């Protein structure tokens, strides 16, 4: 009688997984050809509501009137087979529009700088579409933007990020430190505490504000990239850009802590751990949950910025 050994069972499991992947790839191709035009519908205009739509006279008046500058720092990065590459730009941009309204309710005027999107992609850098900028280039560019904002008369800038790659955040940290030591402008990086802790930031260091988001139910598996959280948020912000027919077919990755550690090594390590480019459970995404999460995080950002302004 044939008996399965551990090796046989592992090989059988791998074959089943590969079979699921091939079925999924075929379904993605068919879905794309059958239901989507050659060019998908446009997402939110990234200049909408920013200083790019203002005249220089209006910018000068706002700066002289004490308005603070708000800046979303994102990246062009793969987000699985179901989300657009600009996910990490759309989410913080939408949050800053809400932050601006909340600050206005507190009598704090603000101007939104057009989002930055040429980020550092160490984790997903091996996937097509992930644009990986050298950290020193990003830091230099950000420094020039801070210098320009200072020349325009802004006294304070508050940055948030939609891209949680640690190397990306370290580039932001370097730019903030450089700006605060060399210019007439005060720059703040407002960062979620888990990300701040991961890159070694201390809330006592000038220029860095660690934010505690409202508590959420902890998922049964890591949900870190293009999973339920990001898919839900984009469903609430730009539903026409979410390939939900594909997202519903994606199984939870259900990774262990060692798996996540390997994934965070980046490049081919990440591609091996998450071959489809997502880490979490996108199939469970809901627009209502995404809208709630987006609003609660925006409120936390606004409260932290308001506290730093006053």
C-alpha atoms as a PDB file:
ATOM      1  CA  UNK A   1       0.000   0.000   0.000  1.00  0.00           C
ATOM      2  CA  UNK A   2       1.226   3.483  -0.903  1.00  0.00           C
ATOM      3  CA  UNK A   3       2.037   5.596   2.134  1.00  0.00           C
ATOM      4  CA  UNK A   4       2.472   9.370   2.117  1.00  0.00           C
ATOM      5  CA  UNK A   5       5.665  10.548   3.718  1.00  0.00           C
ATOM      6  CA  UNK A   6       6.155  14.099   5.046  1.00  0.00           C
ATOM      7  CA  UNK A   7       7.963  14.943   1.824  1.00  0.00           C
ATOM      8  CA  UNK A   8       5.104  13.609  -0.293  1.00  0.00           C
ATOM      9  CA  UNK A   9       2.551  15.602   1.726  1.00  0.00           C
ATOM     10  CA  UNK A  10       4.573  18.799   1.438  1.00  0.00           C
ATOM     11  CA  UNK A  11       4.971  18.340  -2.320  1.00  0.00           C
ATOM     12  CA  UNK A  12       1.255  17.664  -2.687  1.00  0.00           C
ATOM     13  CA  UNK A  13       0.447  20.825  -0.724  1.00  0.00           C
ATOM     14  CA  UNK A  14       2.805  22.855  -2.911  1.00  0.00           C
ATOM     15  CA  UNK A  15       1.213  21.466  -6.096  1.00  0.00           C
ATOM     16  CA  UNK A  16      -2.268  22.351  -4.837  1.00  0.00           C
ATOM     17  CA  UNK A  17      -1.119  25.887  -4.000  1.00  0.00           C
ATOM     18  CA  UNK A  18       0.488  26.273  -7.429  1.00  0.00           C
ATOM     19  CA  UNK A  19      -2.700  25.043  -9.034  1.00  0.00           C
ATOM     20  CA  UNK A  20      -4.719  27.672  -7.174  1.00  0.00           C
ATOM     21  CA  UNK A  21      -2.255  30.350  -8.285  1.00  0.00           C
ATOM     22  CA  UNK A  22      -2.534  29.385 -11.947  1.00  0.00           C
ATOM     23  CA  UNK A  23      -6.332  29.386 -11.725  1.00  0.00           C
ATOM     24  CA  UNK A  24      -6.198  32.819 -10.116  1.00  0.00           C
ATOM     25  CA  UNK A  25      -3.856  34.201 -12.776  1.00  0.00           C
ATOM     26  CA  UNK A  26      -6.187  32.929 -15.505  1.00  0.00           C
ATOM     27  CA  UNK A  27      -9.183  34.458 -13.765  1.00  0.00           C
ATOM     28  CA  UNK A  28      -7.384  37.802 -13.415  1.00  0.00           C
ATOM     29  CA  UNK A  29      -6.568  37.817 -17.126  1.00  0.00           C
ATOM     30  CA  UNK A  30     -10.126  36.932 -18.093  1.00  0.00           C
ATOM     31  CA  UNK A  31     -11.595  39.483 -15.705  1.00  0.00           C
ATOM     32  CA  UNK A  32      -9.319  42.191 -17.021  1.00  0.00           C
ATOM     33  CA  UNK A  33     -10.096  41.440 -20.654  1.00  0.00           C
ATOM     34  CA  UNK A  34     -13.808  40.953 -20.169  1.00  0.00           C
ATOM     35  CA  UNK A  35     -14.787  43.725 -17.778  1.00  0.00           C
ATOM     36  CA  UNK A  36     -12.200  46.512 -17.934  1.00  0.00           C
ATOM     37  CA  UNK A  37     -11.317  48.916 -20.751  1.00  0.00           C
ATOM     38  CA  UNK A  38      -7.750  49.228 -21.991  1.00  0.00           C
ATOM     39  CA  UNK A  39      -7.358  52.157 -19.601  1.00  0.00           C
ATOM     40  CA  UNK A  40      -9.239  51.894 -16.294  1.00  0.00           C
ATOM     41  CA  UNK A  41     -11.324  54.771 -14.996  1.00  0.00           C
ATOM     42  CA  UNK A  42      -9.407  57.605 -13.407  1.00  0.00           C
ATOM     43  CA  UNK A  43      -9.036  57.884  -9.669  1.00  0.00           C
ATOM     44  CA  UNK A  44      -9.257  61.056  -7.576  1.00  0.00           C
ATOM     45  CA  UNK A  45      -7.298  63.985  -8.991  1.00  0.00           C
ATOM     46  CA  UNK A  46      -4.181  64.234  -6.823  1.00  0.00           C
ATOM     47  CA  UNK A  47      -4.011  68.025  -7.291  1.00  0.00           C
ATOM     48  CA  UNK A  48      -7.623  68.523  -6.147  1.00  0.00           C
ATOM     49  CA  UNK A  49      -7.740  70.698  -3.052  1.00  0.00           C
ATOM     50  CA  UNK A  50      -3.980  71.343  -3.051  1.00  0.00           C
ATOM     51  CA  UNK A  51      -1.906  74.467  -3.551  1.00  0.00           C
ATOM     52  CA  UNK A  52      -1.374  73.384  -7.160  1.00  0.00           C
ATOM     53  CA  UNK A  53      -4.851  74.785  -7.869  1.00  0.00           C
ATOM     54  CA  UNK A  54      -4.062  78.102  -6.152  1.00  0.00           C
ATOM     55  CA  UNK A  55      -2.376  81.167  -7.614  1.00  0.00           C
ATOM     56  CA  UNK A  56       0.911  82.362  -6.177  1.00  0.00           C
ATOM     57  CA  UNK A  57      -0.948  85.371  -4.736  1.00  0.00           C
ATOM     58  CA  UNK A  58      -3.314  83.066  -2.858  1.00  0.00           C
ATOM     59  CA  UNK A  59      -0.435  80.914  -1.586  1.00  0.00           C
ATOM     60  CA  UNK A  60       1.452  83.987  -0.385  1.00  0.00           C
ATOM     61  CA  UNK A  61      -1.626  85.327   1.405  1.00  0.00           C
ATOM     62  CA  UNK A  62      -2.240  81.974   3.123  1.00  0.00           C
ATOM     63  CA  UNK A  63       1.375  81.682   4.258  1.00  0.00           C
ATOM     64  CA  UNK A  64       1.469  85.241   5.588  1.00  0.00           C
ATOM     65  CA  UNK A  65      -1.791  84.570   7.378  1.00  0.00           C
ATOM     66  CA  UNK A  66      -0.166  81.758   9.375  1.00  0.00           C
ATOM     67  CA  UNK A  67      -1.453  78.751   7.463  1.00  0.00           C
ATOM     68  CA  UNK A  68       0.432  75.513   8.054  1.00  0.00           C
ATOM     69  CA  UNK A  69       1.439  73.253   5.159  1.00  0.00           C
ATOM     70  CA  UNK A  70       0.248  69.636   4.996  1.00  0.00           C
ATOM     71  CA  UNK A  71       2.095  67.090   2.866  1.00  0.00           C
ATOM     72  CA  UNK A  72       1.297  63.447   2.034  1.00  0.00           C
ATOM     73  CA  UNK A  73       4.374  61.327   1.311  1.00  0.00           C
ATOM     74  CA  UNK A  74       3.422  58.239  -0.680  1.00  0.00           C
ATOM     75  CA  UNK A  75       4.863  55.849  -3.243  1.00  0.00           C
ATOM     76  CA  UNK A  76       4.049  54.162  -6.525  1.00  0.00           C
ATOM     77  CA  UNK A  77       4.012  50.526  -5.458  1.00  0.00           C
ATOM     78  CA  UNK A  78       2.383  47.227  -6.346  1.00  0.00           C
ATOM     79  CA  UNK A  79      -0.657  46.415  -4.252  1.00  0.00           C
ATOM     80  CA  UNK A  80      -1.601  42.924  -5.337  1.00  0.00           C
ATOM     81  CA  UNK A  81      -3.629  42.043  -8.418  1.00  0.00           C
ATOM     82  CA  UNK A  82      -6.627  44.073  -7.180  1.00  0.00           C
ATOM     83  CA  UNK A  83      -5.408  47.555  -6.131  1.00  0.00           C
ATOM     84  CA  UNK A  84      -3.733  50.315  -8.180  1.00  0.00           C
ATOM     85  CA  UNK A  85      -0.086  51.265  -7.828  1.00  0.00           C
ATOM     86  CA  UNK A  86      -1.066  54.678  -6.405  1.00  0.00           C
ATOM     87  CA  UNK A  87      -2.895  53.275  -3.371  1.00  0.00           C
ATOM     88  CA  UNK A  88      -0.327  54.773  -0.980  1.00  0.00           C
ATOM     89  CA  UNK A  89      -0.870  58.167  -2.615  1.00  0.00           C
ATOM     90  CA  UNK A  90      -4.669  58.143  -2.746  1.00  0.00           C
ATOM     91  CA  UNK A  91      -5.157  57.155   0.905  1.00  0.00           C
ATOM     92  CA  UNK A  92      -3.042  59.847   2.654  1.00  0.00           C
ATOM     93  CA  UNK A  93      -4.233  62.465   0.146  1.00  0.00           C
ATOM     94  CA  UNK A  94      -7.848  61.723   1.071  1.00  0.00           C
ATOM     95  CA  UNK A  95      -6.941  61.792   4.743  1.00  0.00           C
ATOM     96  CA  UNK A  96      -5.310  65.228   4.438  1.00  0.00           C
ATOM     97  CA  UNK A  97      -8.486  66.662   2.906  1.00  0.00           C
ATOM     98  CA  UNK A  98     -10.310  65.493   6.031  1.00  0.00           C
ATOM     99  CA  UNK A  99      -7.492  66.761   8.261  1.00  0.00           C
ATOM    100  CA  UNK A 100      -7.752  70.186   6.625  1.00  0.00           C
ATOM    101  CA  UNK A 101     -11.484  70.383   7.350  1.00  0.00           C
ATOM    102  CA  UNK A 102     -10.972  69.325  10.957  1.00  0.00           C
ATOM    103  CA  UNK A 103      -8.215  71.897  11.440  1.00  0.00           C
ATOM    104  CA  UNK A 104     -10.472  74.592   9.989  1.00  0.00           C
ATOM    105  CA  UNK A 105     -13.070  73.678  12.634  1.00  0.00           C
ATOM    106  CA  UNK A 106     -10.336  74.413  15.186  1.00  0.00           C
ATOM    107  CA  UNK A 107      -9.597  77.791  13.540  1.00  0.00           C
ATOM    108  CA  UNK A 108      -6.304  76.542  12.081  1.00  0.00           C
ATOM    109  CA  UNK A 109      -5.763  77.413   8.430  1.00  0.00           C
ATOM    110  CA  UNK A 110      -3.798  75.028   6.237  1.00  0.00           C
ATOM    111  CA  UNK A 111      -2.607  74.513   2.680  1.00  0.00           C
ATOM    112  CA  UNK A 112      -2.115  71.053   1.201  1.00  0.00           C
ATOM    113  CA  UNK A 113       1.080  70.490  -0.779  1.00  0.00           C
ATOM    114  CA  UNK A 114       0.656  68.196  -3.817  1.00  0.00           C
ATOM    115  CA  UNK A 115       1.461  64.620  -2.767  1.00  0.00           C
ATOM    116  CA  UNK A 116       4.933  63.162  -3.092  1.00  0.00           C
ATOM    117  CA  UNK A 117       4.912  59.769  -4.808  1.00  0.00           C
ATOM    118  CA  UNK A 118       8.463  58.799  -5.829  1.00  0.00           C
ATOM    119  CA  UNK A 119       9.139  56.734  -2.710  1.00  0.00           C
ATOM    120  CA  UNK A 120      11.529  54.093  -1.468  1.00  0.00           C
ATOM    121  CA  UNK A 121      10.287  50.543  -2.144  1.00  0.00           C
ATOM    122  CA  UNK A 122      12.630  48.112  -0.450  1.00  0.00           C
ATOM    123  CA  UNK A 123      10.015  45.495   0.425  1.00  0.00           C
ATOM    124  CA  UNK A 124       8.129  45.280  -2.876  1.00  0.00           C
ATOM    125  CA  UNK A 125      10.936  46.495  -5.105  1.00  0.00           C
ATOM    126  CA  UNK A 126      11.098  43.281  -7.147  1.00  0.00           C
ATOM    127  CA  UNK A 127       7.492  43.572  -8.365  1.00  0.00           C
ATOM    128  CA  UNK A 128       6.702  45.273 -11.664  1.00  0.00           C
ATOM    129  CA  UNK A 129       5.348  48.764 -11.068  1.00  0.00           C
ATOM    130  CA  UNK A 130       7.101  49.402  -7.760  1.00  0.00           C
ATOM    131  CA  UNK A 131       9.278  52.463  -8.353  1.00  0.00           C
ATOM    132  CA  UNK A 132      12.246  52.299  -5.990  1.00  0.00           C
ATOM    133  CA  UNK A 133      14.004  55.618  -5.407  1.00  0.00           C
ATOM    134  CA  UNK A 134      17.364  55.866  -3.665  1.00  0.00           C
ATOM    135  CA  UNK A 135      16.756  57.198  -0.125  1.00  0.00           C
ATOM    136  CA  UNK A 136      19.313  59.982  -0.521  1.00  0.00           C
ATOM    137  CA  UNK A 137      17.553  61.218  -3.670  1.00  0.00           C
ATOM    138  CA  UNK A 138      14.199  61.304  -1.874  1.00  0.00           C
ATOM    139  CA  UNK A 139      15.736  63.129   1.087  1.00  0.00           C
ATOM    140  CA  UNK A 140      17.329  65.740  -1.180  1.00  0.00           C
ATOM    141  CA  UNK A 141      14.090  66.346  -3.073  1.00  0.00           C
ATOM    142  CA  UNK A 142      12.084  66.700   0.137  1.00  0.00           C
ATOM    143  CA  UNK A 143      14.697  69.111   1.505  1.00  0.00           C
ATOM    144  CA  UNK A 144      14.266  71.317  -1.566  1.00  0.00           C
ATOM    145  CA  UNK A 145      10.478  71.312  -1.138  1.00  0.00           C
ATOM    146  CA  UNK A 146      10.833  72.339   2.514  1.00  0.00           C
ATOM    147  CA  UNK A 147      13.220  75.110   1.469  1.00  0.00           C
ATOM    148  CA  UNK A 148      10.739  76.352  -1.133  1.00  0.00           C
ATOM    149  CA  UNK A 149       7.886  76.343   1.370  1.00  0.00           C
ATOM    150  CA  UNK A 150      10.022  78.349   3.785  1.00  0.00           C
ATOM    151  CA  UNK A 151      10.781  80.911   1.056  1.00  0.00           C
ATOM    152  CA  UNK A 152       7.043  81.171   0.382  1.00  0.00           C
ATOM    153  CA  UNK A 153       6.515  82.159   4.008  1.00  0.00           C
ATOM    154  CA  UNK A 154       5.267  78.957   5.625  1.00  0.00           C
ATOM    155  CA  UNK A 155       6.465  78.468   9.167  1.00  0.00           C
ATOM    156  CA  UNK A 156       5.325  74.899   9.797  1.00  0.00           C
ATOM    157  CA  UNK A 157       4.940  71.756   7.703  1.00  0.00           C
ATOM    158  CA  UNK A 158       3.276  68.524   8.799  1.00  0.00           C
ATOM    159  CA  UNK A 159       3.964  65.336   6.814  1.00  0.00           C
ATOM    160  CA  UNK A 160       2.098  62.046   6.909  1.00  0.00           C
ATOM    161  CA  UNK A 161       2.812  58.894   4.928  1.00  0.00           C
ATOM    162  CA  UNK A 162       0.652  56.260   3.300  1.00  0.00           C
ATOM    163  CA  UNK A 163       3.620  53.972   2.665  1.00  0.00           C
ATOM    164  CA  UNK A 164       4.946  51.988   5.634  1.00  0.00           C
ATOM    165  CA  UNK A 165       8.196  50.677   4.150  1.00  0.00           C
ATOM    166  CA  UNK A 166      10.762  51.323   6.898  1.00  0.00           C
ATOM    167  CA  UNK A 167      13.423  52.565   4.457  1.00  0.00           C
ATOM    168  CA  UNK A 168      10.912  55.054   3.055  1.00  0.00           C
ATOM    169  CA  UNK A 169      10.186  56.420   6.524  1.00  0.00           C
ATOM    170  CA  UNK A 170      13.883  56.674   7.340  1.00  0.00           C
ATOM    171  CA  UNK A 171      14.332  58.853   4.243  1.00  0.00           C
ATOM    172  CA  UNK A 172      11.531  61.112   5.538  1.00  0.00           C
ATOM    173  CA  UNK A 173      13.190  61.216   8.957  1.00  0.00           C
ATOM    174  CA  UNK A 174      16.490  62.283   7.406  1.00  0.00           C
ATOM    175  CA  UNK A 175      14.777  65.039   5.418  1.00  0.00           C
ATOM    176  CA  UNK A 176      12.914  66.322   8.482  1.00  0.00           C
ATOM    177  CA  UNK A 177      16.063  66.409  10.592  1.00  0.00           C
ATOM    178  CA  UNK A 178      17.985  68.201   7.861  1.00  0.00           C
ATOM    179  CA  UNK A 179      15.253  70.795   7.346  1.00  0.00           C
ATOM    180  CA  UNK A 180      14.908  71.506  11.051  1.00  0.00           C
ATOM    181  CA  UNK A 181      18.643  72.035  11.447  1.00  0.00           C
ATOM    182  CA  UNK A 182      19.191  74.223   8.406  1.00  0.00           C
ATOM    183  CA  UNK A 183      16.121  76.311   7.544  1.00  0.00           C
ATOM    184  CA  UNK A 184      13.671  78.821   8.951  1.00  0.00           C
ATOM    185  CA  UNK A 185      10.814  76.359   8.830  1.00  0.00           C
ATOM    186  CA  UNK A 186       9.662  73.851  11.428  1.00  0.00           C
ATOM    187  CA  UNK A 187       8.935  70.446   9.908  1.00  0.00           C
ATOM    188  CA  UNK A 188       7.053  67.626  11.639  1.00  0.00           C
ATOM    189  CA  UNK A 189       6.651  63.994  10.631  1.00  0.00           C
ATOM    190  CA  UNK A 190       3.335  62.774  12.084  1.00  0.00           C
ATOM    191  CA  UNK A 191       3.728  59.010  12.149  1.00  0.00           C
ATOM    192  CA  UNK A 192       1.613  56.107  13.472  1.00  0.00           C
ATOM    193  CA  UNK A 193       3.260  54.831  16.636  1.00  0.00           C
ATOM    194  CA  UNK A 194       3.831  51.227  15.441  1.00  0.00           C
ATOM    195  CA  UNK A 195       5.756  52.519  12.432  1.00  0.00           C
ATOM    196  CA  UNK A 196       7.624  55.057  14.550  1.00  0.00           C
ATOM    197  CA  UNK A 197       8.617  52.349  17.020  1.00  0.00           C
ATOM    198  CA  UNK A 198       9.780  50.081  14.197  1.00  0.00           C
ATOM    199  CA  UNK A 199      12.226  52.684  12.879  1.00  0.00           C
ATOM    200  CA  UNK A 200      13.379  53.781  16.348  1.00  0.00           C
ATOM    201  CA  UNK A 201      11.703  57.188  16.603  1.00  0.00           C
ATOM    202  CA  UNK A 202      11.158  58.812  19.984  1.00  0.00           C
ATOM    203  CA  UNK A 203       8.292  61.208  20.625  1.00  0.00           C
ATOM    204  CA  UNK A 204      10.674  63.347  22.672  1.00  0.00           C
ATOM    205  CA  UNK A 205      12.745  64.205  19.589  1.00  0.00           C
ATOM    206  CA  UNK A 206      11.724  67.545  18.064  1.00  0.00           C
ATOM    207  CA  UNK A 207      10.074  67.217  14.688  1.00  0.00           C
ATOM    208  CA  UNK A 208       8.421  63.851  15.272  1.00  0.00           C
ATOM    209  CA  UNK A 209       4.891  63.226  16.521  1.00  0.00           C
ATOM    210  CA  UNK A 210       3.888  59.633  17.232  1.00  0.00           C
ATOM    211  CA  UNK A 211       0.146  59.123  16.827  1.00  0.00           C
ATOM    212  CA  UNK A 212      -1.984  56.459  18.445  1.00  0.00           C
ATOM    213  CA  UNK A 213      -4.828  55.458  16.143  1.00  0.00           C
ATOM    214  CA  UNK A 214      -8.100  54.319  17.743  1.00  0.00           C
ATOM    215  CA  UNK A 215      -7.976  50.665  18.745  1.00  0.00           C
ATOM    216  CA  UNK A 216      -9.282  48.123  16.253  1.00  0.00           C
ATOM    217  CA  UNK A 217     -10.070  44.445  16.431  1.00  0.00           C
ATOM    218  CA  UNK A 218      -6.819  42.599  15.849  1.00  0.00           C
ATOM    219  CA  UNK A 219      -7.147  40.359  12.761  1.00  0.00           C
ATOM    220  CA  UNK A 220      -6.496  36.659  13.151  1.00  0.00           C
ATOM    221  CA  UNK A 221      -3.651  36.954  10.625  1.00  0.00           C
ATOM    222  CA  UNK A 222      -1.232  39.774   9.694  1.00  0.00           C
ATOM    223  CA  UNK A 223      -2.922  42.333   7.453  1.00  0.00           C
ATOM    224  CA  UNK A 224      -0.065  44.566   6.353  1.00  0.00           C
ATOM    225  CA  UNK A 225      -0.203  45.159   2.623  1.00  0.00           C
ATOM    226  CA  UNK A 226      -3.126  45.319   0.179  1.00  0.00           C
ATOM    227  CA  UNK A 227      -5.192  43.304   2.635  1.00  0.00           C
ATOM    228  CA  UNK A 228      -8.535  44.076   4.248  1.00  0.00           C
ATOM    229  CA  UNK A 229      -7.477  47.457   5.652  1.00  0.00           C
ATOM    230  CA  UNK A 230      -6.049  49.054   2.512  1.00  0.00           C
ATOM    231  CA  UNK A 231      -8.630  47.480   0.209  1.00  0.00           C
ATOM    232  CA  UNK A 232     -11.465  48.757   2.406  1.00  0.00           C
ATOM    233  CA  UNK A 233      -9.985  52.261   2.538  1.00  0.00           C
ATOM    234  CA  UNK A 234      -9.588  52.449  -1.221  1.00  0.00           C
ATOM    235  CA  UNK A 235     -13.115  51.103  -1.702  1.00  0.00           C
ATOM    236  CA  UNK A 236     -14.312  54.143   0.225  1.00  0.00           C
ATOM    237  CA  UNK A 237     -12.011  56.591  -1.590  1.00  0.00           C
ATOM    238  CA  UNK A 238     -11.840  55.347  -5.194  1.00  0.00           C
ATOM    239  CA  UNK A 239     -14.150  52.330  -5.603  1.00  0.00           C
ATOM    240  CA  UNK A 240     -13.817  52.375  -9.392  1.00  0.00           C
ATOM    241  CA  UNK A 241     -10.119  51.528  -9.053  1.00  0.00           C
ATOM    242  CA  UNK A 242     -10.587  48.421  -6.906  1.00  0.00           C
ATOM    243  CA  UNK A 243     -10.754  45.171  -8.889  1.00  0.00           C
ATOM    244  CA  UNK A 244     -13.196  43.717  -6.383  1.00  0.00           C
ATOM    245  CA  UNK A 245     -14.038  40.725  -8.567  1.00  0.00           C
ATOM    246  CA  UNK A 246     -10.409  39.690  -8.159  1.00  0.00           C
ATOM    247  CA  UNK A 247     -10.160  40.676  -4.489  1.00  0.00           C
ATOM    248  CA  UNK A 248     -13.061  38.362  -3.606  1.00  0.00           C
ATOM    249  CA  UNK A 249     -11.119  35.412  -5.007  1.00  0.00           C
ATOM    250  CA  UNK A 250      -7.976  36.025  -2.957  1.00  0.00           C
ATOM    251  CA  UNK A 251      -7.400  33.744   0.004  1.00  0.00           C
ATOM    252  CA  UNK A 252      -6.034  35.113   3.327  1.00  0.00           C
ATOM    253  CA  UNK A 253      -2.265  34.826   3.358  1.00  0.00           C
ATOM    254  CA  UNK A 254      -2.307  33.724   7.008  1.00  0.00           C
ATOM    255  CA  UNK A 255       1.444  34.235   7.523  1.00  0.00           C
ATOM    256  CA  UNK A 256       3.429  33.607  10.689  1.00  0.00           C
ATOM    257  CA  UNK A 257       5.668  36.156  12.420  1.00  0.00           C
ATOM    258  CA  UNK A 258       8.805  34.568  10.880  1.00  0.00           C
ATOM    259  CA  UNK A 259       7.113  34.790   7.462  1.00  0.00           C
ATOM    260  CA  UNK A 260       6.495  38.510   7.985  1.00  0.00           C
ATOM    261  CA  UNK A 261      10.096  39.024   9.095  1.00  0.00           C
ATOM    262  CA  UNK A 262      11.287  37.356   5.893  1.00  0.00           C
ATOM    263  CA  UNK A 263       8.851  39.449   3.838  1.00  0.00           C
ATOM    264  CA  UNK A 264      10.237  42.633   5.366  1.00  0.00           C
ATOM    265  CA  UNK A 265      13.707  41.744   4.112  1.00  0.00           C
ATOM    266  CA  UNK A 266      12.292  42.844   0.802  1.00  0.00           C
ATOM    267  CA  UNK A 267      12.852  42.318  -2.890  1.00  0.00           C
ATOM    268  CA  UNK A 268      12.970  38.611  -3.825  1.00  0.00           C
ATOM    269  CA  UNK A 269      12.301  37.598  -0.205  1.00  0.00           C
ATOM    270  CA  UNK A 270       8.986  39.448  -0.307  1.00  0.00           C
ATOM    271  CA  UNK A 271       8.132  38.050  -3.711  1.00  0.00           C
ATOM    272  CA  UNK A 272       8.749  34.518  -2.462  1.00  0.00           C
ATOM    273  CA  UNK A 273       6.605  34.955   0.662  1.00  0.00           C
ATOM    274  CA  UNK A 274       3.788  36.847  -1.090  1.00  0.00           C
ATOM    275  CA  UNK A 275       3.953  35.855  -4.786  1.00  0.00           C
ATOM    276  CA  UNK A 276       0.695  37.661  -5.554  1.00  0.00           C
ATOM    277  CA  UNK A 277       1.840  40.874  -3.869  1.00  0.00           C
ATOM    278  CA  UNK A 278      -0.631  41.105  -0.988  1.00  0.00           C
ATOM    279  CA  UNK A 279      -0.413  40.285   2.708  1.00  0.00           C
ATOM    280  CA  UNK A 280      -3.762  39.969   4.456  1.00  0.00           C
ATOM    281  CA  UNK A 281      -7.378  39.247   3.588  1.00  0.00           C
ATOM    282  CA  UNK A 282      -8.616  41.576   0.823  1.00  0.00           C
ATOM    283  CA  UNK A 283     -11.698  39.448   0.186  1.00  0.00           C
ATOM    284  CA  UNK A 284     -13.197  40.650   3.474  1.00  0.00           C
ATOM    285  CA  UNK A 285     -12.881  44.337   2.552  1.00  0.00           C
ATOM    286  CA  UNK A 286     -15.910  46.598   2.962  1.00  0.00           C
ATOM    287  CA  UNK A 287     -16.243  50.252   1.914  1.00  0.00           C
ATOM    288  CA  UNK A 288     -18.063  51.249   5.101  1.00  0.00           C
ATOM    289  CA  UNK A 289     -15.247  49.912   7.255  1.00  0.00           C
ATOM    290  CA  UNK A 290     -12.721  51.685   5.076  1.00  0.00           C
ATOM    291  CA  UNK A 291     -14.532  55.015   5.362  1.00  0.00           C
ATOM    292  CA  UNK A 292     -14.666  54.653   9.133  1.00  0.00           C
ATOM    293  CA  UNK A 293     -10.965  53.763   9.366  1.00  0.00           C
ATOM    294  CA  UNK A 294      -9.973  56.647   7.089  1.00  0.00           C
ATOM    295  CA  UNK A 295     -11.994  59.135   9.142  1.00  0.00           C
ATOM    296  CA  UNK A 296     -10.733  57.896  12.521  1.00  0.00           C
ATOM    297  CA  UNK A 297      -7.114  58.057  11.401  1.00  0.00           C
ATOM    298  CA  UNK A 298      -7.635  61.526   9.900  1.00  0.00           C
ATOM    299  CA  UNK A 299      -9.125  62.672  13.208  1.00  0.00           C
ATOM    300  CA  UNK A 300      -6.089  61.372  15.092  1.00  0.00           C
ATOM    301  CA  UNK A 301      -3.759  63.191  12.687  1.00  0.00           C
ATOM    302  CA  UNK A 302      -5.754  66.423  12.999  1.00  0.00           C
ATOM    303  CA  UNK A 303      -5.747  66.318  16.805  1.00  0.00           C
ATOM    304  CA  UNK A 304      -1.980  65.713  16.871  1.00  0.00           C
ATOM    305  CA  UNK A 305      -1.303  68.559  14.421  1.00  0.00           C
ATOM    306  CA  UNK A 306      -3.614  70.941  16.272  1.00  0.00           C
ATOM    307  CA  UNK A 307      -1.825  70.190  19.541  1.00  0.00           C
ATOM    308  CA  UNK A 308       1.534  70.974  17.919  1.00  0.00           C
ATOM    309  CA  UNK A 309       0.287  74.230  16.397  1.00  0.00           C
ATOM    310  CA  UNK A 310      -1.176  75.673  19.593  1.00  0.00           C
END
